[in-house]
C-alpha atoms as a PDB file:
ATOM      1  CA  MET A   1     -25.199  -0.412   5.862  1.00  0.00           C
ATOM      2  CA  LYS A   2     -23.361   2.591   7.217  1.00  0.00           C
ATOM      3  CA  ILE A   3     -19.612   3.070   6.955  1.00  0.00           C
ATOM      4  CA  GLY A   4     -19.148   2.874  10.727  1.00  0.00           C
ATOM      5  CA  GLU A   5     -20.903  -0.488  10.843  1.00  0.00           C
ATOM      6  CA  LYS A   6     -18.701  -1.816   8.028  1.00  0.00           C
ATOM      7  CA  ILE A   7     -15.533  -0.719   9.825  1.00  0.00           C
ATOM      8  CA  GLN A   8     -16.726  -2.264  13.082  1.00  0.00           C
ATOM      9  CA  LYS A   9     -17.548  -5.537  11.305  1.00  0.00           C
ATOM     10  CA  LYS A  10     -14.058  -5.656   9.725  1.00  0.00           C
ATOM     11  CA  TYR A  11     -12.513  -4.872  13.122  1.00  0.00           C
ATOM     12  CA  LEU A  12     -14.340  -7.720  14.827  1.00  0.00           C
ATOM     13  CA  GLU A  13     -13.536 -10.382  12.241  1.00  0.00           C
ATOM     14  CA  ARG A  14      -9.801  -9.627  11.752  1.00  0.00           C
ATOM     15  CA  ASN A  15      -6.867 -10.461  13.986  1.00  0.00           C
ATOM     16  CA  LYS A  16      -5.908  -7.318  15.912  1.00  0.00           C
ATOM     17  CA  LEU A  17      -2.143  -7.622  15.306  1.00  0.00           C
ATOM     18  CA  PHE A  18      -2.550  -8.060  11.553  1.00  0.00           C
ATOM     19  CA  LEU A  19      -5.101  -5.251  11.490  1.00  0.00           C
ATOM     20  CA  ALA A  20      -2.732  -2.855  13.261  1.00  0.00           C
ATOM     21  CA  ILE A  21       0.164  -3.684  10.921  1.00  0.00           C
ATOM     22  CA  ASP A  22      -2.142  -3.377   7.912  1.00  0.00           C
ATOM     23  CA  ILE A  23      -3.345   0.051   9.072  1.00  0.00           C
ATOM     24  CA  ILE A  24       0.253   1.253   9.517  1.00  0.00           C
ATOM     25  CA  PHE A  25       1.264   0.180   6.009  1.00  0.00           C
ATOM     26  CA  SER A  26      -1.950   1.581   4.519  1.00  0.00           C
ATOM     27  CA  VAL A  27      -1.322   4.966   6.153  1.00  0.00           C
ATOM     28  CA  LEU A  28       2.239   4.923   4.798  1.00  0.00           C
ATOM     29  CA  THR A  29       0.912   4.138   1.326  1.00  0.00           C
ATOM     30  CA  ILE A  30      -1.536   7.035   1.478  1.00  0.00           C
ATOM     31  CA  TYR A  31       1.181   9.374   2.774  1.00  0.00           C
ATOM     32  CA  PHE A  32       3.557   8.557  -0.082  1.00  0.00           C
ATOM     33  CA  ALA A  33       0.735   8.770  -2.643  1.00  0.00           C
ATOM     34  CA  VAL A  34      -0.187  12.273  -1.454  1.00  0.00           C
ATOM     35  CA  ARG A  35       3.489  13.312  -1.521  1.00  0.00           C
ATOM     36  CA  VAL A  36       3.855  12.084  -5.114  1.00  0.00           C
ATOM     37  CA  LEU A  37       0.683  13.903  -6.083  1.00  0.00           C
ATOM     38  CA  LEU A  38       1.818  17.161  -4.477  1.00  0.00           C
ATOM     39  CA  ILE A  39       5.253  16.962  -6.095  1.00  0.00           C
ATOM     40  CA  SER A  40       3.663  16.294  -9.479  1.00  0.00           C
ATOM     41  CA  ILE A  41       1.266  19.226  -9.173  1.00  0.00           C
ATOM     42  CA  THR A  42       3.948  21.663  -8.024  1.00  0.00           C
ATOM     43  CA  GLY A  43       6.217  20.454 -10.825  1.00  0.00           C
ATOM     44  CA  LEU A  44       3.544  21.221 -13.402  1.00  0.00           C
ATOM     45  CA  VAL A  45       2.727  24.733 -12.214  1.00  0.00           C
ATOM     46  CA  SER A  46       6.177  25.833 -11.066  1.00  0.00           C
ATOM     47  CA  SER A  47       9.436  26.141 -12.929  1.00  0.00           C
ATOM     48  CA  ASN A  48      11.771  25.493  -9.980  1.00  0.00           C
ATOM     49  CA  PRO A  49      12.678  21.830  -9.514  1.00  0.00           C
ATOM     50  CA  SER A  50      11.711  19.912  -6.411  1.00  0.00           C
ATOM     51  CA  THR A  51      14.315  18.474  -4.068  1.00  0.00           C
ATOM     52  CA  ASP A  52      12.273  15.301  -3.533  1.00  0.00           C
ATOM     53  CA  SER A  53      12.781  12.379  -5.862  1.00  0.00           C
ATOM     54  CA  PRO A  54       9.411  11.252  -7.239  1.00  0.00           C
ATOM     55  CA  THR A  55      10.745   7.856  -8.268  1.00  0.00           C
ATOM     56  CA  LEU A  56      11.948   7.172  -4.736  1.00  0.00           C
ATOM     57  CA  LEU A  57       8.545   8.211  -3.394  1.00  0.00           C
ATOM     58  CA  LEU A  58       6.828   5.978  -5.975  1.00  0.00           C
ATOM     59  CA  PHE A  59       9.022   3.080  -4.879  1.00  0.00           C
ATOM     60  CA  ALA A  60       8.174   3.727  -1.214  1.00  0.00           C
ATOM     61  CA  MET A  61       4.465   3.960  -2.021  1.00  0.00           C
ATOM     62  CA  LEU A  62       4.389   0.722  -3.996  1.00  0.00           C
ATOM     63  CA  PHE A  63       6.610  -1.098  -1.509  1.00  0.00           C
ATOM     64  CA  SER A  64       4.382  -0.163   1.431  1.00  0.00           C
ATOM     65  CA  LEU A  65       1.348  -1.212  -0.632  1.00  0.00           C
ATOM     66  CA  GLY A  66       3.051  -4.546  -1.255  1.00  0.00           C
ATOM     67  CA  LEU A  67       3.793  -4.907   2.452  1.00  0.00           C
ATOM     68  CA  SER A  68       0.159  -4.181   3.255  1.00  0.00           C
ATOM     69  CA  ASN A  69      -0.940  -6.858   0.793  1.00  0.00           C
ATOM     70  CA  SER A  70       1.607  -9.325   2.142  1.00  0.00           C
ATOM     71  CA  VAL A  71       0.203  -8.819   5.650  1.00  0.00           C
ATOM     72  CA  ARG A  72      -3.200  -9.798   4.292  1.00  0.00           C
ATOM     73  CA  VAL A  73      -1.703 -12.849   2.541  1.00  0.00           C
ATOM     74  CA  ILE A  74      -0.006 -13.982   5.749  1.00  0.00           C
ATOM     75  CA  GLU A  75      -3.221 -13.420   7.688  1.00  0.00           C
ATOM     76  CA  MET A  76      -5.087 -15.560   5.157  1.00  0.00           C
ATOM     77  CA  LEU A  77      -2.535 -18.327   5.637  1.00  0.00           C
ATOM     78  CA  VAL A  78      -2.758 -18.130   9.426  1.00  0.00           C
ATOM     79  CA  ILE A  79      -6.550 -18.191   9.654  1.00  0.00           C
ATOM     80  CA  GLU A  80      -6.811 -20.589   6.685  1.00  0.00           C
ATOM     81  CA  LYS A  81      -9.104 -18.364   4.659  1.00  0.00           C
ATOM     82  CA  LYS A  82      -8.731 -19.297   0.998  1.00  0.00           C
ATOM     83  CA  GLU A  83     -11.160 -16.805  -0.563  1.00  0.00           C
ATOM     84  CA  TYR A  84      -9.300 -14.589  -3.081  1.00  0.00           C
ATOM     85  CA  PHE A  85      -5.961 -15.933  -1.841  1.00  0.00           C
ATOM     86  CA  SER A  86      -4.412 -16.629  -5.245  1.00  0.00           C
ATOM     87  CA  PHE A  87      -5.546 -13.269  -6.647  1.00  0.00           C
ATOM     88  CA  LEU A  88      -4.126 -11.399  -3.651  1.00  0.00           C
ATOM     89  CA  LEU A  89      -0.868 -13.340  -3.840  1.00  0.00           C
ATOM     90  CA  LEU A  90      -0.461 -12.560  -7.551  1.00  0.00           C
ATOM     91  CA  SER A  91      -1.258  -8.886  -7.054  1.00  0.00           C
ATOM     92  CA  THR A  92       1.222  -8.698  -4.169  1.00  0.00           C
ATOM     93  CA  LEU A  93       3.962 -10.211  -6.308  1.00  0.00           C
ATOM     94  CA  PHE A  94       3.070  -7.820  -9.128  1.00  0.00           C
ATOM     95  CA  VAL A  95       3.268  -4.759  -6.859  1.00  0.00           C
ATOM     96  CA  PHE A  96       6.623  -5.888  -5.448  1.00  0.00           C
ATOM     97  CA  SER A  97       7.991  -6.515  -8.944  1.00  0.00           C
ATOM     98  CA  VAL A  98       6.859  -3.085 -10.181  1.00  0.00           C
ATOM     99  CA  SER A  99       8.386  -1.362  -7.150  1.00  0.00           C
ATOM    100  CA  THR A 100      11.658  -3.241  -7.681  1.00  0.00           C
ATOM    101  CA  TYR A 101      11.640  -2.275 -11.364  1.00  0.00           C
ATOM    102  CA  ILE A 102      11.123   1.394 -10.461  1.00  0.00           C
ATOM    103  CA  LEU A 103      14.012   1.250  -8.010  1.00  0.00           C
ATOM    104  CA  LEU A 104      16.366  -0.446 -10.484  1.00  0.00           C
ATOM    105  CA  VAL A 105      15.531   1.806 -13.440  1.00  0.00           C
ATOM    106  CA  ASP A 106      16.199   5.027 -11.537  1.00  0.00           C
END
Protein backbone atom coordinates (compact mmCIF):
# COMPACT_ATOMS: atom_id res chain seq x y z
CA MET A 1 0.00 0.00 0.00
CA LYS A 2 1.35 3.41 -0.88
CA ILE A 3 1.80 6.22 1.62
CA GLY A 4 -0.82 8.39 -0.09
CA GLU A 5 -3.40 5.63 0.19
CA LYS A 6 -2.62 5.18 3.90
CA ILE A 7 -3.04 8.90 4.56
CA GLN A 8 -6.30 8.98 2.63
CA LYS A 9 -7.61 5.97 4.57
CA LYS A 10 -6.75 7.64 7.91
CA TYR A 11 -8.40 10.86 6.71
CA LEU A 12 -11.63 9.09 5.81
CA GLU A 13 -11.98 7.13 9.04
CA ARG A 14 -11.17 9.94 11.54
CA ASN A 15 -13.33 12.82 12.68
CA LYS A 16 -12.22 15.95 10.81
CA LEU A 17 -12.15 18.24 13.88
CA PHE A 18 -10.02 15.82 15.91
CA LEU A 19 -7.79 15.23 12.89
CA ALA A 20 -7.19 18.96 12.42
CA ILE A 21 -6.35 19.49 16.11
CA ASP A 22 -4.11 16.42 16.07
CA ILE A 23 -2.24 17.72 13.01
CA ILE A 24 -1.70 21.11 14.67
CA PHE A 25 -0.25 19.56 17.83
CA SER A 26 1.86 17.11 15.81
CA VAL A 27 3.34 19.96 13.76
CA LEU A 28 4.11 21.84 16.99
CA THR A 29 5.81 18.74 18.39
CA ILE A 30 7.96 18.37 15.28
CA TYR A 31 8.83 22.09 15.34
CA PHE A 32 10.02 21.98 18.95
CA ALA A 33 11.91 18.72 18.35
CA VAL A 34 13.82 20.27 15.44
CA ARG A 35 14.56 23.38 17.52
CA VAL A 36 15.97 21.25 20.35
CA LEU A 37 18.05 19.29 17.88
CA LEU A 38 19.44 22.44 16.25
CA ILE A 39 20.27 24.01 19.61
CA SER A 40 22.01 20.82 20.72
CA ILE A 41 24.08 20.59 17.55
CA THR A 42 25.12 24.25 17.63
CA GLY A 43 25.98 23.91 21.31
CA LEU A 44 28.30 21.01 20.57
CA VAL A 45 30.21 22.64 17.72
CA SER A 46 30.21 26.23 18.94
CA SER A 47 31.59 27.79 22.08
CA ASN A 48 29.12 30.69 22.33
CA PRO A 49 26.02 29.90 24.38
CA SER A 50 22.57 29.90 22.87
CA THR A 51 19.89 32.32 24.00
CA ASP A 52 17.18 29.65 23.77
CA SER A 53 16.47 27.48 26.77
CA PRO A 54 16.59 23.82 25.75
CA THR A 55 14.66 22.69 28.81
CA LEU A 56 11.81 25.06 27.97
CA LEU A 57 11.80 23.75 24.40
CA LEU A 58 11.83 20.16 25.70
CA PHE A 59 8.87 20.97 27.93
CA ALA A 60 6.99 22.53 24.99
CA MET A 61 7.78 19.53 22.79
CA LEU A 62 6.61 16.97 25.34
CA PHE A 63 3.56 19.02 26.31
CA SER A 64 2.41 19.33 22.70
CA LEU A 65 3.02 15.59 22.26
CA GLY A 66 0.87 14.97 25.32
CA LEU A 67 -1.84 17.24 23.91
CA SER A 68 -1.73 15.34 20.63
CA ASN A 69 -2.13 12.06 22.49
CA SER A 70 -4.94 13.46 24.63
CA VAL A 71 -6.81 14.46 21.46
CA ARG A 72 -6.59 10.84 20.33
CA VAL A 73 -7.79 9.63 23.75
CA ILE A 74 -10.78 11.98 23.64
CA GLU A 75 -11.55 10.89 20.09
CA MET A 76 -11.48 7.26 21.21
CA LEU A 77 -13.95 8.08 23.97
CA VAL A 78 -16.26 9.95 21.61
CA ILE A 79 -16.37 7.28 18.90
CA GLU A 80 -16.25 4.47 21.49
CA LYS A 81 -13.19 2.80 20.03
CA LYS A 82 -11.52 0.77 22.77
CA GLU A 83 -8.55 -0.64 20.82
CA TYR A 84 -5.27 0.45 22.49
CA PHE A 85 -7.18 2.88 24.71
CA SER A 86 -5.52 1.95 28.00
CA PHE A 87 -2.04 1.96 26.46
CA LEU A 88 -2.60 5.38 24.89
CA LEU A 89 -4.03 6.76 28.13
CA LEU A 90 -1.02 5.52 30.13
CA SER A 91 1.45 6.88 27.61
CA THR A 92 -0.34 10.24 27.61
CA LEU A 93 -0.16 10.44 31.39
CA PHE A 94 3.52 9.46 31.25
CA VAL A 95 4.35 12.17 28.70
CA PHE A 96 2.50 14.81 30.74
CA SER A 97 4.27 13.73 33.93
CA VAL A 98 7.70 13.85 32.26
CA SER A 99 7.00 17.30 30.82
CA THR A 100 5.85 18.54 34.23
CA TYR A 101 8.98 17.10 35.84
CA ILE A 102 11.19 18.87 33.28
CA LEU A 103 9.41 22.15 33.96
CA LEU A 104 9.69 21.82 37.75
CA VAL A 105 13.34 20.74 37.79
CA ASP A 106 14.53 23.68 35.70
